[in-house]
Amino acid sequence: MHTPEIATIDNETVPHYGTKPHKPGLYLGLLQGRHRPSQQMDDWGFGGPTIGPLKWCHTTYAAHIKLEFEESSDAVEYFGVEEAHCHMNLEGDMLTFGGMYYGDWTVYYGGPEDCERPSDSFRKTTRSNAMYAHRKFLL
């Protein structure tokens, strides 16, 4: 199992929690983000990435989160390596990823009907691709 050094993720290329995934599958969504563990929060924090599609996600002793990607090539945009097995650590009660800290995370399945809709040329109004699995808010 590979333990890569996770660089700060590119906010433009990595899918964020609350948006529909490109492919169906199991995902780990990170939310309630902050820049440092001691940061005082007046609100819920920011949404983080949606990591996947995964074969499985497993937590050990509330200290390590292990992942296996459906395809090892999917790990590249998150971990910078083409490796199916990766793991993430917790610092205190927060999951760390991409130099940020997340107080909440969820594992959810996005089926084919939950994936990003293709753009179409006949609509005057763009359809939303927003989705929040933990709130059952699927468009």
N, C-alpha and C. Protein backbone atom coordinates (compact mmCIF):
# COMPACT_ATOMS: atom_id res chain seq x y z
N MET A 1 0.84 -1.18 0.00
CA MET A 1 0.00 0.00 0.00
C MET A 1 0.89 1.24 0.00
N HIS A 2 0.58 2.15 -0.86
CA HIS A 2 1.39 3.35 -1.04
C HIS A 2 0.94 4.46 -0.11
N THR A 3 1.89 5.13 0.53
CA THR A 3 1.61 6.29 1.36
C THR A 3 2.26 7.49 0.70
N PRO A 4 1.58 8.12 -0.25
CA PRO A 4 2.20 9.23 -0.97
C PRO A 4 2.17 10.51 -0.17
N GLU A 5 3.09 11.40 -0.51
CA GLU A 5 3.02 12.76 0.00
C GLU A 5 1.97 13.46 -0.83
N ILE A 6 0.96 13.99 -0.17
CA ILE A 6 -0.13 14.62 -0.90
C ILE A 6 0.17 16.10 -1.02
N ALA A 7 0.29 16.56 -2.25
CA ALA A 7 0.51 17.99 -2.49
C ALA A 7 -0.82 18.71 -2.39
N THR A 8 -0.77 20.03 -2.27
CA THR A 8 -2.00 20.80 -2.29
C THR A 8 -2.69 20.55 -3.61
N ILE A 9 -3.96 20.20 -3.54
CA ILE A 9 -4.68 19.83 -4.75
C ILE A 9 -5.06 21.06 -5.56
N ASP A 10 -5.19 20.86 -6.84
CA ASP A 10 -5.60 21.91 -7.76
C ASP A 10 -7.12 22.03 -7.69
N ASN A 11 -7.61 23.14 -7.18
CA ASN A 11 -9.05 23.34 -7.01
C ASN A 11 -9.82 23.30 -8.32
N GLU A 12 -9.15 23.48 -9.44
CA GLU A 12 -9.85 23.50 -10.72
C GLU A 12 -10.03 22.10 -11.31
N THR A 13 -9.14 21.16 -11.00
CA THR A 13 -9.20 19.86 -11.66
C THR A 13 -9.80 18.76 -10.79
N VAL A 14 -9.67 18.84 -9.49
CA VAL A 14 -10.18 17.79 -8.61
C VAL A 14 -11.66 18.03 -8.34
N PRO A 15 -12.51 17.02 -8.54
CA PRO A 15 -13.94 17.21 -8.26
C PRO A 15 -14.18 17.48 -6.78
N HIS A 16 -15.09 18.39 -6.49
CA HIS A 16 -15.38 18.76 -5.11
C HIS A 16 -16.68 18.13 -4.64
N TYR A 17 -16.74 17.88 -3.34
CA TYR A 17 -17.95 17.31 -2.75
C TYR A 17 -19.11 18.26 -2.99
N GLY A 18 -20.21 17.72 -3.43
CA GLY A 18 -21.38 18.53 -3.76
C GLY A 18 -21.59 18.64 -5.26
N THR A 19 -20.57 18.26 -6.05
CA THR A 19 -20.75 18.22 -7.49
C THR A 19 -20.89 16.76 -7.91
N LYS A 20 -21.53 16.56 -9.01
CA LYS A 20 -21.74 15.19 -9.48
C LYS A 20 -20.43 14.62 -10.03
N PRO A 21 -20.14 13.35 -9.72
CA PRO A 21 -18.91 12.74 -10.24
C PRO A 21 -19.00 12.49 -11.74
N HIS A 22 -17.84 12.30 -12.36
CA HIS A 22 -17.78 12.02 -13.80
C HIS A 22 -18.18 10.58 -14.09
N LYS A 23 -17.83 9.66 -13.19
CA LYS A 23 -18.09 8.24 -13.38
C LYS A 23 -18.89 7.70 -12.20
N PRO A 24 -19.72 6.68 -12.40
CA PRO A 24 -20.42 6.07 -11.27
C PRO A 24 -19.44 5.31 -10.39
N GLY A 25 -19.80 5.17 -9.11
CA GLY A 25 -18.97 4.39 -8.20
C GLY A 25 -19.06 4.88 -6.77
N LEU A 26 -18.19 4.33 -5.93
CA LEU A 26 -18.11 4.66 -4.52
C LEU A 26 -17.14 5.83 -4.35
N TYR A 27 -17.53 6.82 -3.54
CA TYR A 27 -16.71 8.02 -3.35
C TYR A 27 -16.56 8.37 -1.88
N LEU A 28 -15.43 9.00 -1.58
CA LEU A 28 -15.17 9.58 -0.26
C LEU A 28 -15.25 11.09 -0.44
N GLY A 29 -16.23 11.72 0.20
CA GLY A 29 -16.41 13.16 0.11
C GLY A 29 -15.93 13.83 1.38
N LEU A 30 -15.09 14.85 1.24
CA LEU A 30 -14.54 15.58 2.39
C LEU A 30 -15.24 16.92 2.51
N LEU A 31 -15.60 17.30 3.74
CA LEU A 31 -16.26 18.57 3.97
C LEU A 31 -15.91 19.12 5.34
N GLN A 32 -16.44 20.30 5.63
CA GLN A 32 -16.10 21.05 6.85
C GLN A 32 -14.59 21.28 6.94
N GLY A 33 -14.05 21.80 5.84
CA GLY A 33 -12.61 22.01 5.75
C GLY A 33 -12.15 23.29 6.40
N ARG A 34 -10.88 23.27 6.75
CA ARG A 34 -10.19 24.44 7.32
C ARG A 34 -8.73 24.39 6.91
N HIS A 35 -8.04 25.51 7.04
CA HIS A 35 -6.65 25.60 6.60
C HIS A 35 -5.66 25.09 7.65
N ARG A 36 -6.01 25.14 8.90
CA ARG A 36 -5.13 24.63 9.97
C ARG A 36 -6.01 24.07 11.09
N PRO A 37 -5.51 23.10 11.82
CA PRO A 37 -6.34 22.43 12.83
C PRO A 37 -6.83 23.35 13.94
N SER A 38 -6.07 24.38 14.26
CA SER A 38 -6.45 25.26 15.36
C SER A 38 -7.34 26.42 14.92
N GLN A 39 -7.68 26.48 13.65
CA GLN A 39 -8.49 27.58 13.12
C GLN A 39 -9.86 27.63 13.80
N GLN A 40 -10.23 28.79 14.31
CA GLN A 40 -11.54 28.98 14.92
C GLN A 40 -12.59 29.07 13.82
N MET A 41 -13.65 28.32 13.98
CA MET A 41 -14.67 28.26 12.94
C MET A 41 -15.94 28.98 13.39
N ASP A 42 -16.44 29.87 12.55
CA ASP A 42 -17.71 30.54 12.79
C ASP A 42 -18.82 29.92 11.95
N ASP A 43 -18.43 29.04 11.04
CA ASP A 43 -19.36 28.42 10.12
C ASP A 43 -18.92 26.97 9.91
N TRP A 44 -19.44 26.30 8.90
CA TRP A 44 -19.17 24.89 8.65
C TRP A 44 -17.86 24.64 7.93
N GLY A 45 -17.17 25.64 7.47
CA GLY A 45 -15.94 25.43 6.72
C GLY A 45 -16.24 25.21 5.25
N PHE A 46 -15.22 24.87 4.48
CA PHE A 46 -15.39 24.71 3.03
C PHE A 46 -15.48 23.24 2.65
N GLY A 47 -16.07 23.02 1.48
CA GLY A 47 -16.17 21.67 0.94
C GLY A 47 -14.84 21.25 0.33
N GLY A 48 -14.52 19.99 0.47
CA GLY A 48 -13.28 19.46 -0.07
C GLY A 48 -13.52 18.60 -1.28
N PRO A 49 -12.55 17.79 -1.62
CA PRO A 49 -12.67 16.96 -2.82
C PRO A 49 -13.59 15.76 -2.63
N THR A 50 -14.00 15.22 -3.75
CA THR A 50 -14.70 13.94 -3.83
C THR A 50 -13.68 12.98 -4.43
N ILE A 51 -13.29 11.96 -3.68
CA ILE A 51 -12.22 11.05 -4.08
C ILE A 51 -12.81 9.73 -4.55
N GLY A 52 -12.47 9.32 -5.76
CA GLY A 52 -12.98 8.06 -6.28
C GLY A 52 -12.95 8.03 -7.79
N PRO A 53 -13.59 7.04 -8.38
CA PRO A 53 -14.36 5.97 -7.76
C PRO A 53 -13.46 4.92 -7.09
N LEU A 54 -13.99 4.40 -5.98
CA LEU A 54 -13.25 3.47 -5.13
C LEU A 54 -13.87 2.08 -5.15
N LYS A 55 -13.04 1.07 -4.91
CA LYS A 55 -13.56 -0.28 -4.67
C LYS A 55 -14.03 -0.39 -3.22
N TRP A 56 -13.23 0.23 -2.32
CA TRP A 56 -13.57 0.21 -0.89
C TRP A 56 -12.85 1.33 -0.17
N CYS A 57 -13.33 1.59 1.05
CA CYS A 57 -12.73 2.58 1.95
C CYS A 57 -12.81 1.98 3.34
N HIS A 58 -11.68 1.94 4.06
CA HIS A 58 -11.61 1.26 5.36
C HIS A 58 -10.88 2.14 6.37
N THR A 59 -11.40 2.22 7.58
CA THR A 59 -10.76 3.00 8.65
C THR A 59 -10.19 2.04 9.70
N THR A 60 -8.95 2.30 10.13
CA THR A 60 -8.29 1.49 11.14
C THR A 60 -8.00 2.34 12.37
N TYR A 61 -8.51 1.90 13.52
CA TYR A 61 -8.25 2.54 14.80
C TYR A 61 -8.48 4.05 14.79
N ALA A 62 -9.41 4.51 14.00
CA ALA A 62 -9.72 5.94 13.88
C ALA A 62 -8.46 6.77 13.67
N ALA A 63 -7.49 6.21 12.94
CA ALA A 63 -6.23 6.91 12.70
C ALA A 63 -5.81 6.89 11.24
N HIS A 64 -6.22 5.87 10.50
CA HIS A 64 -5.82 5.74 9.09
C HIS A 64 -7.04 5.38 8.26
N ILE A 65 -7.13 5.99 7.10
CA ILE A 65 -8.19 5.65 6.15
C ILE A 65 -7.50 5.07 4.93
N LYS A 66 -7.84 3.83 4.62
CA LYS A 66 -7.25 3.13 3.49
C LYS A 66 -8.26 3.11 2.35
N LEU A 67 -7.75 3.28 1.13
CA LEU A 67 -8.59 3.34 -0.06
C LEU A 67 -8.06 2.40 -1.13
N GLU A 68 -8.96 1.86 -1.92
CA GLU A 68 -8.55 1.19 -3.16
C GLU A 68 -9.39 1.77 -4.28
N PHE A 69 -8.71 2.32 -5.27
CA PHE A 69 -9.39 2.90 -6.42
C PHE A 69 -9.85 1.81 -7.37
N GLU A 70 -10.95 2.07 -8.06
CA GLU A 70 -11.43 1.14 -9.11
C GLU A 70 -10.34 0.95 -10.15
N GLU A 71 -9.71 2.04 -10.57
CA GLU A 71 -8.62 2.01 -11.54
C GLU A 71 -7.46 2.81 -10.97
N SER A 72 -6.27 2.24 -11.01
CA SER A 72 -5.12 2.92 -10.41
C SER A 72 -4.86 4.28 -11.06
N SER A 73 -5.24 4.46 -12.30
CA SER A 73 -5.04 5.76 -12.97
C SER A 73 -5.87 6.87 -12.32
N ASP A 74 -6.97 6.52 -11.67
CA ASP A 74 -7.80 7.54 -11.00
C ASP A 74 -7.10 8.14 -9.79
N ALA A 75 -6.12 7.45 -9.23
CA ALA A 75 -5.41 7.95 -8.04
C ALA A 75 -4.47 9.10 -8.37
N VAL A 76 -4.08 9.23 -9.63
CA VAL A 76 -3.08 10.23 -10.01
C VAL A 76 -3.52 11.64 -9.66
N GLU A 77 -4.76 12.03 -9.97
CA GLU A 77 -5.17 13.41 -9.71
C GLU A 77 -5.28 13.73 -8.22
N TYR A 78 -5.38 12.73 -7.37
CA TYR A 78 -5.49 12.96 -5.92
C TYR A 78 -4.16 12.78 -5.19
N PHE A 79 -3.40 11.74 -5.58
CA PHE A 79 -2.20 11.38 -4.85
C PHE A 79 -0.91 11.50 -5.66
N GLY A 80 -1.04 11.81 -6.94
CA GLY A 80 0.13 12.01 -7.77
C GLY A 80 0.84 10.74 -8.20
N VAL A 81 0.27 9.58 -7.92
CA VAL A 81 0.87 8.30 -8.31
C VAL A 81 -0.22 7.41 -8.90
N GLU A 82 0.19 6.52 -9.80
CA GLU A 82 -0.76 5.56 -10.36
C GLU A 82 -0.68 4.30 -9.52
N GLU A 83 -1.37 4.32 -8.42
CA GLU A 83 -1.34 3.25 -7.42
C GLU A 83 -2.77 3.03 -6.93
N ALA A 84 -3.27 1.80 -7.02
CA ALA A 84 -4.66 1.52 -6.62
C ALA A 84 -4.87 1.68 -5.12
N HIS A 85 -3.88 1.28 -4.30
CA HIS A 85 -4.02 1.34 -2.84
C HIS A 85 -3.32 2.58 -2.29
N CYS A 86 -4.05 3.39 -1.56
CA CYS A 86 -3.49 4.59 -0.92
C CYS A 86 -4.08 4.71 0.48
N HIS A 87 -3.48 5.52 1.30
CA HIS A 87 -4.11 5.78 2.59
C HIS A 87 -3.91 7.22 3.02
N MET A 88 -4.80 7.64 3.90
CA MET A 88 -4.82 9.01 4.41
C MET A 88 -4.76 8.94 5.93
N ASN A 89 -4.26 10.00 6.55
CA ASN A 89 -4.13 10.02 7.99
C ASN A 89 -5.06 11.02 8.63
N LEU A 90 -5.29 10.81 9.90
CA LEU A 90 -6.05 11.76 10.70
C LEU A 90 -5.08 12.46 11.63
N GLU A 91 -5.31 13.73 11.82
CA GLU A 91 -4.54 14.51 12.80
C GLU A 91 -5.55 14.97 13.85
N GLY A 92 -5.45 14.38 15.03
CA GLY A 92 -6.48 14.63 16.04
C GLY A 92 -7.78 14.03 15.54
N ASP A 93 -8.80 14.86 15.45
CA ASP A 93 -10.09 14.37 14.95
C ASP A 93 -10.39 14.85 13.53
N MET A 94 -9.35 15.26 12.79
CA MET A 94 -9.54 15.75 11.43
C MET A 94 -8.74 14.94 10.42
N LEU A 95 -9.37 14.70 9.28
CA LEU A 95 -8.71 14.02 8.17
C LEU A 95 -7.88 15.05 7.42
N THR A 96 -6.65 14.70 7.09
CA THR A 96 -5.79 15.63 6.35
C THR A 96 -5.71 15.20 4.89
N PHE A 97 -5.80 16.19 4.01
CA PHE A 97 -5.67 15.92 2.58
C PHE A 97 -5.32 17.22 1.87
N GLY A 98 -4.31 17.17 1.03
CA GLY A 98 -3.92 18.31 0.22
C GLY A 98 -3.55 19.54 1.02
N GLY A 99 -2.97 19.32 2.21
CA GLY A 99 -2.56 20.45 3.04
C GLY A 99 -3.71 21.10 3.80
N MET A 100 -4.90 20.51 3.74
CA MET A 100 -6.08 21.03 4.44
C MET A 100 -6.57 20.00 5.45
N TYR A 101 -7.46 20.45 6.32
CA TYR A 101 -7.98 19.61 7.40
C TYR A 101 -9.50 19.56 7.29
N TYR A 102 -10.06 18.36 7.42
CA TYR A 102 -11.50 18.17 7.25
C TYR A 102 -12.08 17.51 8.49
N GLY A 103 -13.12 18.12 9.03
CA GLY A 103 -13.76 17.62 10.23
C GLY A 103 -14.88 16.63 9.96
N ASP A 104 -15.24 16.45 8.71
CA ASP A 104 -16.36 15.58 8.36
C ASP A 104 -16.06 14.94 7.01
N TRP A 105 -16.46 13.70 6.86
CA TRP A 105 -16.31 13.01 5.58
C TRP A 105 -17.40 11.97 5.49
N THR A 106 -17.72 11.61 4.27
CA THR A 106 -18.78 10.65 4.02
C THR A 106 -18.39 9.74 2.86
N VAL A 107 -18.83 8.49 2.93
CA VAL A 107 -18.64 7.55 1.84
C VAL A 107 -20.02 7.33 1.23
N TYR A 108 -20.12 7.48 -0.08
CA TYR A 108 -21.42 7.34 -0.73
C TYR A 108 -21.26 6.75 -2.13
N TYR A 109 -22.35 6.20 -2.63
CA TYR A 109 -22.36 5.63 -3.97
C TYR A 109 -23.09 6.58 -4.91
N GLY A 110 -22.47 6.86 -6.03
CA GLY A 110 -23.12 7.63 -7.09
C GLY A 110 -23.35 6.72 -8.28
N GLY A 111 -24.62 6.46 -8.57
CA GLY A 111 -24.96 5.60 -9.70
C GLY A 111 -24.89 6.36 -11.01
N PRO A 112 -25.08 5.66 -12.12
CA PRO A 112 -25.01 6.31 -13.43
C PRO A 112 -25.95 7.51 -13.55
N GLU A 113 -27.13 7.40 -12.94
CA GLU A 113 -28.09 8.50 -13.00
C GLU A 113 -27.67 9.69 -12.13
N ASP A 114 -26.70 9.48 -11.22
CA ASP A 114 -26.22 10.55 -10.34
C ASP A 114 -24.99 11.26 -10.89
N CYS A 115 -24.47 10.80 -12.02
CA CYS A 115 -23.24 11.37 -12.57
C CYS A 115 -23.51 12.68 -13.31
N GLU A 116 -22.42 13.38 -13.55
CA GLU A 116 -22.51 14.66 -14.25
C GLU A 116 -23.23 14.49 -15.57
N ARG A 117 -24.13 15.39 -15.81
CA ARG A 117 -24.88 15.35 -17.06
C ARG A 117 -24.06 15.93 -18.19
N PRO A 118 -24.16 15.33 -19.35
CA PRO A 118 -23.42 15.92 -20.48
C PRO A 118 -24.04 17.26 -20.85
N SER A 119 -23.22 18.16 -21.34
CA SER A 119 -23.76 19.45 -21.76
C SER A 119 -24.59 19.23 -23.02
N ASP A 120 -25.65 20.01 -23.13
CA ASP A 120 -26.47 19.89 -24.31
C ASP A 120 -26.63 21.26 -24.96
N SER A 121 -26.87 21.26 -26.23
CA SER A 121 -26.89 22.51 -26.97
C SER A 121 -28.28 23.09 -27.15
N PHE A 122 -29.33 22.37 -26.78
CA PHE A 122 -30.67 22.85 -27.04
C PHE A 122 -31.31 23.60 -25.86
N ARG A 123 -30.70 23.56 -24.67
CA ARG A 123 -31.26 24.25 -23.51
C ARG A 123 -30.74 25.67 -23.42
N LYS A 124 -31.63 26.58 -23.06
CA LYS A 124 -31.21 27.97 -22.85
C LYS A 124 -30.62 28.14 -21.46
N THR A 125 -31.09 27.32 -20.50
CA THR A 125 -30.62 27.38 -19.12
C THR A 125 -29.77 26.14 -18.83
N THR A 126 -28.58 26.34 -18.28
CA THR A 126 -27.70 25.23 -17.96
C THR A 126 -28.25 24.45 -16.77
N ARG A 127 -28.22 23.13 -16.86
CA ARG A 127 -28.67 22.29 -15.75
C ARG A 127 -27.60 22.22 -14.68
N SER A 128 -28.04 22.15 -13.42
CA SER A 128 -27.11 22.07 -12.29
C SER A 128 -26.56 20.66 -12.16
N ASN A 129 -25.31 20.55 -11.77
CA ASN A 129 -24.70 19.26 -11.49
C ASN A 129 -24.41 19.12 -10.00
N ALA A 130 -25.10 19.91 -9.16
CA ALA A 130 -24.88 19.85 -7.71
C ALA A 130 -25.50 18.59 -7.13
N MET A 131 -24.87 18.07 -6.07
CA MET A 131 -25.39 16.87 -5.39
C MET A 131 -24.75 16.79 -4.00
N TYR A 132 -25.55 16.47 -3.00
CA TYR A 132 -25.07 16.31 -1.64
C TYR A 132 -25.65 15.01 -1.10
N ALA A 133 -24.88 13.94 -1.12
CA ALA A 133 -25.39 12.63 -0.74
C ALA A 133 -25.84 12.58 0.71
N HIS A 134 -25.13 13.26 1.60
CA HIS A 134 -25.51 13.16 3.02
C HIS A 134 -26.79 13.90 3.32
N ARG A 135 -27.27 14.75 2.42
CA ARG A 135 -28.53 15.46 2.60
C ARG A 135 -29.61 14.96 1.67
N LYS A 136 -29.32 13.93 0.90
CA LYS A 136 -30.26 13.39 -0.10
C LYS A 136 -30.71 14.47 -1.06
N PHE A 137 -29.80 15.37 -1.41
CA PHE A 137 -30.07 16.47 -2.33
C PHE A 137 -29.43 16.13 -3.66
N LEU A 138 -30.15 15.40 -4.48
CA LEU A 138 -29.60 14.98 -5.77
C LEU A 138 -30.44 15.62 -6.86
N LEU A 139 -29.78 16.31 -7.77
CA LEU A 139 -30.49 16.95 -8.88
C LEU A 139 -30.37 16.10 -10.12
